[in-house]
């Protein structure tokens, strides 16, 4: 029974994180360059298109890791 407040706090933090991530995805289409960085893999053939945002994924991972590191300190 003592763990319920901690679970509630964790769910609230997760919800705020999901809202932030959703807002980030909504704004990412409007920011020039996000999703089209050098290092993103884009292959287009006649009947085939392959796109893998490698550099964008690495950048997003670094930013999220930084936020995690900052907010997880006690």
PDB file of N, CA and C in Angstrom:
ATOM      1  N   UNK A   1       0.812  -1.199   0.000  1.00  0.00           N
ATOM      2  CA  UNK A   1       0.000   0.000   0.000  1.00  0.00           C
ATOM      3  C   UNK A   1       0.854   1.261   0.000  1.00  0.00           C
ATOM      4  N   UNK A   2       2.060   1.189   0.497  1.00  0.00           N
ATOM      5  CA  UNK A   2       2.935   2.344   0.576  1.00  0.00           C
ATOM      6  C   UNK A   2       3.490   2.723  -0.787  1.00  0.00           C
ATOM      7  N   UNK A   3       3.434   1.812  -1.745  1.00  0.00           N
ATOM      8  CA  UNK A   3       3.996   2.068  -3.062  1.00  0.00           C
ATOM      9  C   UNK A   3       3.033   2.803  -3.985  1.00  0.00           C
ATOM     10  N   UNK A   4       1.779   2.928  -3.623  1.00  0.00           N
ATOM     11  CA  UNK A   4       0.802   3.587  -4.486  1.00  0.00           C
ATOM     12  C   UNK A   4       1.125   5.053  -4.751  1.00  0.00           C
ATOM     13  N   UNK A   5       1.540   5.848  -3.766  1.00  0.00           N
ATOM     14  CA  UNK A   5       1.906   7.236  -4.079  1.00  0.00           C
ATOM     15  C   UNK A   5       3.089   7.332  -5.041  1.00  0.00           C
ATOM     16  N   UNK A   6       4.050   6.420  -4.903  1.00  0.00           N
ATOM     17  CA  UNK A   6       5.197   6.427  -5.816  1.00  0.00           C
ATOM     18  C   UNK A   6       4.761   6.064  -7.225  1.00  0.00           C
ATOM     19  N   UNK A   7       3.851   5.091  -7.354  1.00  0.00           N
ATOM     20  CA  UNK A   7       3.328   4.701  -8.656  1.00  0.00           C
ATOM     21  C   UNK A   7       2.559   5.853  -9.288  1.00  0.00           C
ATOM     22  N   UNK A   8       1.764   6.545  -8.491  1.00  0.00           N
ATOM     23  CA  UNK A   8       1.022   7.696  -8.994  1.00  0.00           C
ATOM     24  C   UNK A   8       1.954   8.793  -9.490  1.00  0.00           C
ATOM     25  N   UNK A   9       2.998   9.063  -8.740  1.00  0.00           N
ATOM     26  CA  UNK A   9       3.981  10.075  -9.135  1.00  0.00           C
ATOM     27  C   UNK A   9       4.670   9.680 -10.437  1.00  0.00           C
ATOM     28  N   UNK A  10       5.017   8.409 -10.556  1.00  0.00           N
ATOM     29  CA  UNK A  10       5.676   7.928 -11.765  1.00  0.00           C
ATOM     30  C   UNK A  10       4.738   8.031 -12.979  1.00  0.00           C
ATOM     31  N   UNK A  11       3.460   7.731 -12.800  1.00  0.00           N
ATOM     32  CA  UNK A  11       2.496   7.843 -13.898  1.00  0.00           C
ATOM     33  C   UNK A  11       2.301   9.291 -14.334  1.00  0.00           C
ATOM     34  N   UNK A  12       2.283  10.209 -13.378  1.00  0.00           N
ATOM     35  CA  UNK A  12       2.160  11.630 -13.711  1.00  0.00           C
ATOM     36  C   UNK A  12       3.383  12.091 -14.499  1.00  0.00           C
ATOM     37  N   UNK A  13       4.564  11.690 -14.060  1.00  0.00           N
ATOM     38  CA  UNK A  13       5.792  12.066 -14.765  1.00  0.00           C
ATOM     39  C   UNK A  13       5.809  11.462 -16.168  1.00  0.00           C
ATOM     40  N   UNK A  14       5.373  10.203 -16.296  1.00  0.00           N
ATOM     41  CA  UNK A  14       5.314   9.566 -17.609  1.00  0.00           C
ATOM     42  C   UNK A  14       4.314  10.289 -18.507  1.00  0.00           C
ATOM     43  N   UNK A  15       3.193  10.702 -17.952  1.00  0.00           N
ATOM     44  CA  UNK A  15       2.193  11.437 -18.731  1.00  0.00           C
ATOM     45  C   UNK A  15       2.724  12.772 -19.223  1.00  0.00           C
ATOM     46  N   UNK A  16       3.428  13.481 -18.364  1.00  0.00           N
ATOM     47  CA  UNK A  16       4.035  14.751 -18.764  1.00  0.00           C
ATOM     48  C   UNK A  16       5.075  14.520 -19.848  1.00  0.00           C
ATOM     49  N   UNK A  17       5.831  13.448 -19.722  1.00  0.00           N
ATOM     50  CA  UNK A  17       6.826  13.105 -20.741  1.00  0.00           C
ATOM     51  C   UNK A  17       6.180  12.792 -22.077  1.00  0.00           C
ATOM     52  N   UNK A  18       5.071  12.074 -22.062  1.00  0.00           N
ATOM     53  CA  UNK A  18       4.364  11.753 -23.308  1.00  0.00           C
ATOM     54  C   UNK A  18       3.791  13.010 -23.939  1.00  0.00           C
ATOM     55  N   UNK A  19       3.255  13.915 -23.135  1.00  0.00           N
ATOM     56  CA  UNK A  19       2.745  15.185 -23.659  1.00  0.00           C
ATOM     57  C   UNK A  19       3.874  15.986 -24.288  1.00  0.00           C
ATOM     58  N   UNK A  20       5.022  16.043 -23.604  1.00  0.00           N
ATOM     59  CA  UNK A  20       6.177  16.763 -24.140  1.00  0.00           C
ATOM     60  C   UNK A  20       6.647  16.140 -25.452  1.00  0.00           C
ATOM     61  N   UNK A  21       6.706  14.815 -25.495  1.00  0.00           N
ATOM     62  CA  UNK A  21       7.142  14.125 -26.701  1.00  0.00           C
ATOM     63  C   UNK A  21       6.158  14.354 -27.847  1.00  0.00           C
ATOM     64  N   UNK A  22       4.875  14.341 -27.560  1.00  0.00           N
ATOM     65  CA  UNK A  22       3.863  14.615 -28.580  1.00  0.00           C
ATOM     66  C   UNK A  22       3.981  16.033 -29.127  1.00  0.00           C
ATOM     67  N   UNK A  23       4.205  16.991 -28.245  1.00  0.00           N
ATOM     68  CA  UNK A  23       4.390  18.377 -28.685  1.00  0.00           C
ATOM     69  C   UNK A  23       5.657  18.516 -29.519  1.00  0.00           C
ATOM     70  N   UNK A  24       6.686  17.791 -29.130  1.00  0.00           N
ATOM     71  CA  UNK A  24       7.935  17.810 -29.885  1.00  0.00           C
ATOM     72  C   UNK A  24       7.731  17.265 -31.294  1.00  0.00           C
ATOM     73  N   UNK A  25       6.978  16.171 -31.428  1.00  0.00           N
ATOM     74  CA  UNK A  25       6.704  15.611 -32.747  1.00  0.00           C
ATOM     75  C   UNK A  25       5.849  16.553 -33.586  1.00  0.00           C
ATOM     76  N   UNK A  26       4.907  17.245 -32.950  1.00  0.00           N
ATOM     77  CA  UNK A  26       4.067  18.195 -33.695  1.00  0.00           C
ATOM     78  C   UNK A  26       4.899  19.361 -34.206  1.00  0.00           C
ATOM     79  N   UNK A  27       5.847  19.828 -33.414  1.00  0.00           N
ATOM     80  CA  UNK A  27       6.671  20.959 -33.810  1.00  0.00           C
ATOM     81  C   UNK A  27       7.832  20.560 -34.722  1.00  0.00           C
ATOM     82  N   UNK A  28       8.207  19.287 -34.712  1.00  0.00           N
ATOM     83  CA  UNK A  28       9.360  18.839 -35.493  1.00  0.00           C
ATOM     84  C   UNK A  28       9.140  19.033 -36.989  1.00  0.00           C
ATOM     85  N   UNK A  29       7.913  18.917 -37.451  1.00  0.00           N
ATOM     86  CA  UNK A  29       7.625  19.115 -38.868  1.00  0.00           C
ATOM     87  C   UNK A  29       7.771  20.569 -39.287  1.00  0.00           C
ATOM     88  N   UNK A  30       7.670  21.480 -38.350  1.00  0.00           N
ATOM     89  CA  UNK A  30       7.754  22.907 -38.664  1.00  0.00           C
ATOM     90  C   UNK A  30       9.165  23.458 -38.548  1.00  0.00           C
ATOM     91  N   UNK A  31      10.033  22.722 -37.846  1.00  0.00           N
ATOM     92  CA  UNK A  31      11.413  23.157 -37.680  1.00  0.00           C
ATOM     93  C   UNK A  31      12.215  22.660 -38.875  1.00  0.00           C
ATOM     94  N   UNK A  32      12.882  23.577 -39.539  1.00  0.00           N
ATOM     95  CA  UNK A  32      13.657  23.221 -40.723  1.00  0.00           C
ATOM     96  C   UNK A  32      14.863  22.385 -40.316  1.00  0.00           C
ATOM     97  N   UNK A  33      15.093  21.284 -40.984  1.00  0.00           N
ATOM     98  CA  UNK A  33      16.276  20.477 -40.760  1.00  0.00           C
ATOM     99  C   UNK A  33      16.048  19.242 -39.926  1.00  0.00           C
ATOM    100  N   UNK A  34      15.055  19.244 -39.044  1.00  0.00           N
ATOM    101  CA  UNK A  34      14.796  18.049 -38.237  1.00  0.00           C
ATOM    102  C   UNK A  34      14.223  16.982 -39.165  1.00  0.00           C
ATOM    103  N   UNK A  35      14.844  15.836 -39.183  1.00  0.00           N
ATOM    104  CA  UNK A  35      14.410  14.762 -40.068  1.00  0.00           C
ATOM    105  C   UNK A  35      15.136  14.765 -41.395  1.00  0.00           C
ATOM    106  N   UNK A  36      15.918  15.791 -41.648  1.00  0.00           N
ATOM    107  CA  UNK A  36      16.675  15.889 -42.892  1.00  0.00           C
ATOM    108  C   UNK A  36      18.107  16.306 -42.593  1.00  0.00           C
ATOM    109  N   UNK A  37      18.684  15.712 -41.590  1.00  0.00           N
ATOM    110  CA  UNK A  37      20.045  16.044 -41.209  1.00  0.00           C
ATOM    111  C   UNK A  37      21.041  15.259 -42.057  1.00  0.00           C
ATOM    112  N   UNK A  38      22.264  15.782 -42.195  1.00  0.00           N
ATOM    113  CA  UNK A  38      23.296  14.975 -42.848  1.00  0.00           C
ATOM    114  C   UNK A  38      23.533  13.718 -42.012  1.00  0.00           C
ATOM    115  N   UNK A  39      23.536  12.595 -42.628  1.00  0.00           N
ATOM    116  CA  UNK A  39      23.665  11.337 -41.913  1.00  0.00           C
ATOM    117  C   UNK A  39      22.372  10.549 -41.899  1.00  0.00           C
ATOM    118  N   UNK A  40      21.266  11.174 -42.253  1.00  0.00           N
ATOM    119  CA  UNK A  40      20.010  10.451 -42.415  1.00  0.00           C
ATOM    120  C   UNK A  40      20.080   9.687 -43.738  1.00  0.00           C
ATOM    121  N   UNK A  41      19.649   8.444 -43.715  1.00  0.00           N
ATOM    122  CA  UNK A  41      19.750   7.583 -44.890  1.00  0.00           C
ATOM    123  C   UNK A  41      18.459   7.699 -45.697  1.00  0.00           C
ATOM    124  N   UNK A  42      18.598   8.066 -46.965  1.00  0.00           N
ATOM    125  CA  UNK A  42      17.452   8.218 -47.860  1.00  0.00           C
ATOM    126  C   UNK A  42      17.819   7.600 -49.205  1.00  0.00           C
ATOM    127  N   UNK A  43      17.130   6.524 -49.560  1.00  0.00           N
ATOM    128  CA  UNK A  43      17.372   5.843 -50.827  1.00  0.00           C
ATOM    129  C   UNK A  43      16.066   5.824 -51.601  1.00  0.00           C
ATOM    130  N   UNK A  44      16.111   6.318 -52.829  1.00  0.00           N
ATOM    131  CA  UNK A  44      14.904   6.340 -53.657  1.00  0.00           C
ATOM    132  C   UNK A  44      15.222   5.703 -55.006  1.00  0.00           C
ATOM    133  N   UNK A  45      14.456   4.686 -55.331  1.00  0.00           N
ATOM    134  CA  UNK A  45      14.549   4.000 -56.617  1.00  0.00           C
ATOM    135  C   UNK A  45      13.207   4.152 -57.328  1.00  0.00           C
ATOM    136  N   UNK A  46      13.041   3.464 -58.436  1.00  0.00           N
ATOM    137  CA  UNK A  46      11.785   3.604 -59.194  1.00  0.00           C
ATOM    138  C   UNK A  46      10.562   3.238 -58.364  1.00  0.00           C
ATOM    139  N   UNK A  47      10.546   2.044 -57.794  1.00  0.00           N
ATOM    140  CA  UNK A  47       9.365   1.575 -57.061  1.00  0.00           C
ATOM    141  C   UNK A  47       9.633   1.400 -55.573  1.00  0.00           C
ATOM    142  N   UNK A  48      10.678   2.024 -55.089  1.00  0.00           N
ATOM    143  CA  UNK A  48      11.092   1.771 -53.715  1.00  0.00           C
ATOM    144  C   UNK A  48      11.669   3.038 -53.104  1.00  0.00           C
ATOM    145  N   UNK A  49      11.248   3.350 -51.894  1.00  0.00           N
ATOM    146  CA  UNK A  49      11.817   4.461 -51.139  1.00  0.00           C
ATOM    147  C   UNK A  49      12.118   3.965 -49.728  1.00  0.00           C
ATOM    148  N   UNK A  50      13.329   4.229 -49.276  1.00  0.00           N
ATOM    149  CA  UNK A  50      13.748   3.846 -47.933  1.00  0.00           C
ATOM    150  C   UNK A  50      14.303   5.077 -47.240  1.00  0.00           C
ATOM    151  N   UNK A  51      13.780   5.359 -46.065  1.00  0.00           N
ATOM    152  CA  UNK A  51      14.254   6.502 -45.291  1.00  0.00           C
ATOM    153  C   UNK A  51      14.483   6.062 -43.858  1.00  0.00           C
ATOM    154  N   UNK A  52      15.688   6.276 -43.359  1.00  0.00           N
ATOM    155  CA  UNK A  52      16.003   5.982 -41.966  1.00  0.00           C
ATOM    156  C   UNK A  52      16.722   7.188 -41.375  1.00  0.00           C
ATOM    157  N   UNK A  53      16.085   7.894 -40.442  1.00  0.00           N
ATOM    158  CA  UNK A  53      16.679   9.108 -39.869  1.00  0.00           C
ATOM    159  C   UNK A  53      17.744   8.788 -38.816  1.00  0.00           C
ATOM    160  N   UNK A  54      18.889   8.310 -39.241  1.00  0.00           N
ATOM    161  CA  UNK A  54      19.942   7.884 -38.331  1.00  0.00           C
ATOM    162  C   UNK A  54      20.472   9.051 -37.497  1.00  0.00           C
ATOM    163  N   UNK A  55      20.881  10.130 -38.142  1.00  0.00           N
ATOM    164  CA  UNK A  55      21.436  11.276 -37.415  1.00  0.00           C
ATOM    165  C   UNK A  55      20.369  11.923 -36.521  1.00  0.00           C
ATOM    166  N   UNK A  56      19.138  11.997 -37.018  1.00  0.00           N
ATOM    167  CA  UNK A  56      18.049  12.559 -36.218  1.00  0.00           C
ATOM    168  C   UNK A  56      17.789  11.692 -34.994  1.00  0.00           C
ATOM    169  N   UNK A  57      17.844  10.376 -35.152  1.00  0.00           N
ATOM    170  CA  UNK A  57      17.637   9.463 -34.025  1.00  0.00           C
ATOM    171  C   UNK A  57      18.730   9.619 -32.977  1.00  0.00           C
ATOM    172  N   UNK A  58      19.969   9.760 -33.422  1.00  0.00           N
ATOM    173  CA  UNK A  58      21.077   9.936 -32.486  1.00  0.00           C
ATOM    174  C   UNK A  58      20.931  11.263 -31.746  1.00  0.00           C
ATOM    175  N   UNK A  59      20.584  12.325 -32.461  1.00  0.00           N
ATOM    176  CA  UNK A  59      20.384  13.627 -31.824  1.00  0.00           C
ATOM    177  C   UNK A  59      19.243  13.577 -30.820  1.00  0.00           C
ATOM    178  N   UNK A  60      18.142  12.960 -31.184  1.00  0.00           N
ATOM    179  CA  UNK A  60      17.005  12.841 -30.277  1.00  0.00           C
ATOM    180  C   UNK A  60      17.377  12.013 -29.050  1.00  0.00           C
ATOM    181  N   UNK A  61      18.155  10.952 -29.237  1.00  0.00           N
ATOM    182  CA  UNK A  61      18.606  10.131 -28.125  1.00  0.00           C
ATOM    183  C   UNK A  61      19.488  10.931 -27.169  1.00  0.00           C
ATOM    184  N   UNK A  62      20.372  11.741 -27.709  1.00  0.00           N
ATOM    185  CA  UNK A  62      21.236  12.567 -26.856  1.00  0.00           C
ATOM    186  C   UNK A  62      20.426  13.580 -26.054  1.00  0.00           C
ATOM    187  N   UNK A  63      19.461  14.218 -26.701  1.00  0.00           N
ATOM    188  CA  UNK A  63      18.630  15.216 -26.013  1.00  0.00           C
ATOM    189  C   UNK A  63      17.801  14.553 -24.917  1.00  0.00           C
ATOM    190  N   UNK A  64      17.173  13.420 -25.229  1.00  0.00           N
ATOM    191  CA  UNK A  64      16.364  12.732 -24.224  1.00  0.00           C
ATOM    192  C   UNK A  64      17.221  12.191 -23.086  1.00  0.00           C
ATOM    193  N   UNK A  65      18.423  11.714 -23.392  1.00  0.00           N
ATOM    194  CA  UNK A  65      19.335  11.255 -22.339  1.00  0.00           C
ATOM    195  C   UNK A  65      19.740  12.409 -21.424  1.00  0.00           C
ATOM    196  N   UNK A  66      19.959  13.578 -21.998  1.00  0.00           N
ATOM    197  CA  UNK A  66      20.296  14.753 -21.208  1.00  0.00           C
ATOM    198  C   UNK A  66      19.149  15.131 -20.278  1.00  0.00           C
ATOM    199  N   UNK A  67      17.918  15.144 -20.812  1.00  0.00           N
ATOM    200  CA  UNK A  67      16.764  15.441 -19.972  1.00  0.00           C
ATOM    201  C   UNK A  67      16.624  14.397 -18.868  1.00  0.00           C
ATOM    202  N   UNK A  68      16.800  13.138 -19.195  1.00  0.00           N
ATOM    203  CA  UNK A  68      16.687  12.065 -18.206  1.00  0.00           C
ATOM    204  C   UNK A  68      17.718  12.239 -17.105  1.00  0.00           C
ATOM    205  N   UNK A  69      18.946  12.571 -17.512  1.00  0.00           N
ATOM    206  CA  UNK A  69      20.033  12.765 -16.556  1.00  0.00           C
ATOM    207  C   UNK A  69      19.747  13.946 -15.633  1.00  0.00           C
ATOM    208  N   UNK A  70      19.226  15.043 -16.194  1.00  0.00           N
ATOM    209  CA  UNK A  70      18.945  16.240 -15.405  1.00  0.00           C
ATOM    210  C   UNK A  70      17.810  15.986 -14.416  1.00  0.00           C
ATOM    211  N   UNK A  71      16.725  15.360 -14.889  1.00  0.00           N
ATOM    212  CA  UNK A  71      15.546  15.187 -14.036  1.00  0.00           C
ATOM    213  C   UNK A  71      15.640  13.987 -13.100  1.00  0.00           C
ATOM    214  N   UNK A  72      16.596  13.097 -13.317  1.00  0.00           N
ATOM    215  CA  UNK A  72      16.687  11.935 -12.424  1.00  0.00           C
ATOM    216  C   UNK A  72      17.601  12.200 -11.230  1.00  0.00           C
ATOM    217  N   UNK A  73      18.295  13.340 -11.233  1.00  0.00           N
ATOM    218  CA  UNK A  73      19.125  13.664 -10.067  1.00  0.00           C
ATOM    219  C   UNK A  73      18.238  13.982  -8.877  1.00  0.00           C
ATOM    220  N   UNK A  74      18.692  13.566  -7.697  1.00  0.00           N
ATOM    221  CA  UNK A  74      17.888  13.821  -6.489  1.00  0.00           C
ATOM    222  C   UNK A  74      18.362  15.037  -5.769  1.00  0.00           C
TER     223      UNK A  74
END
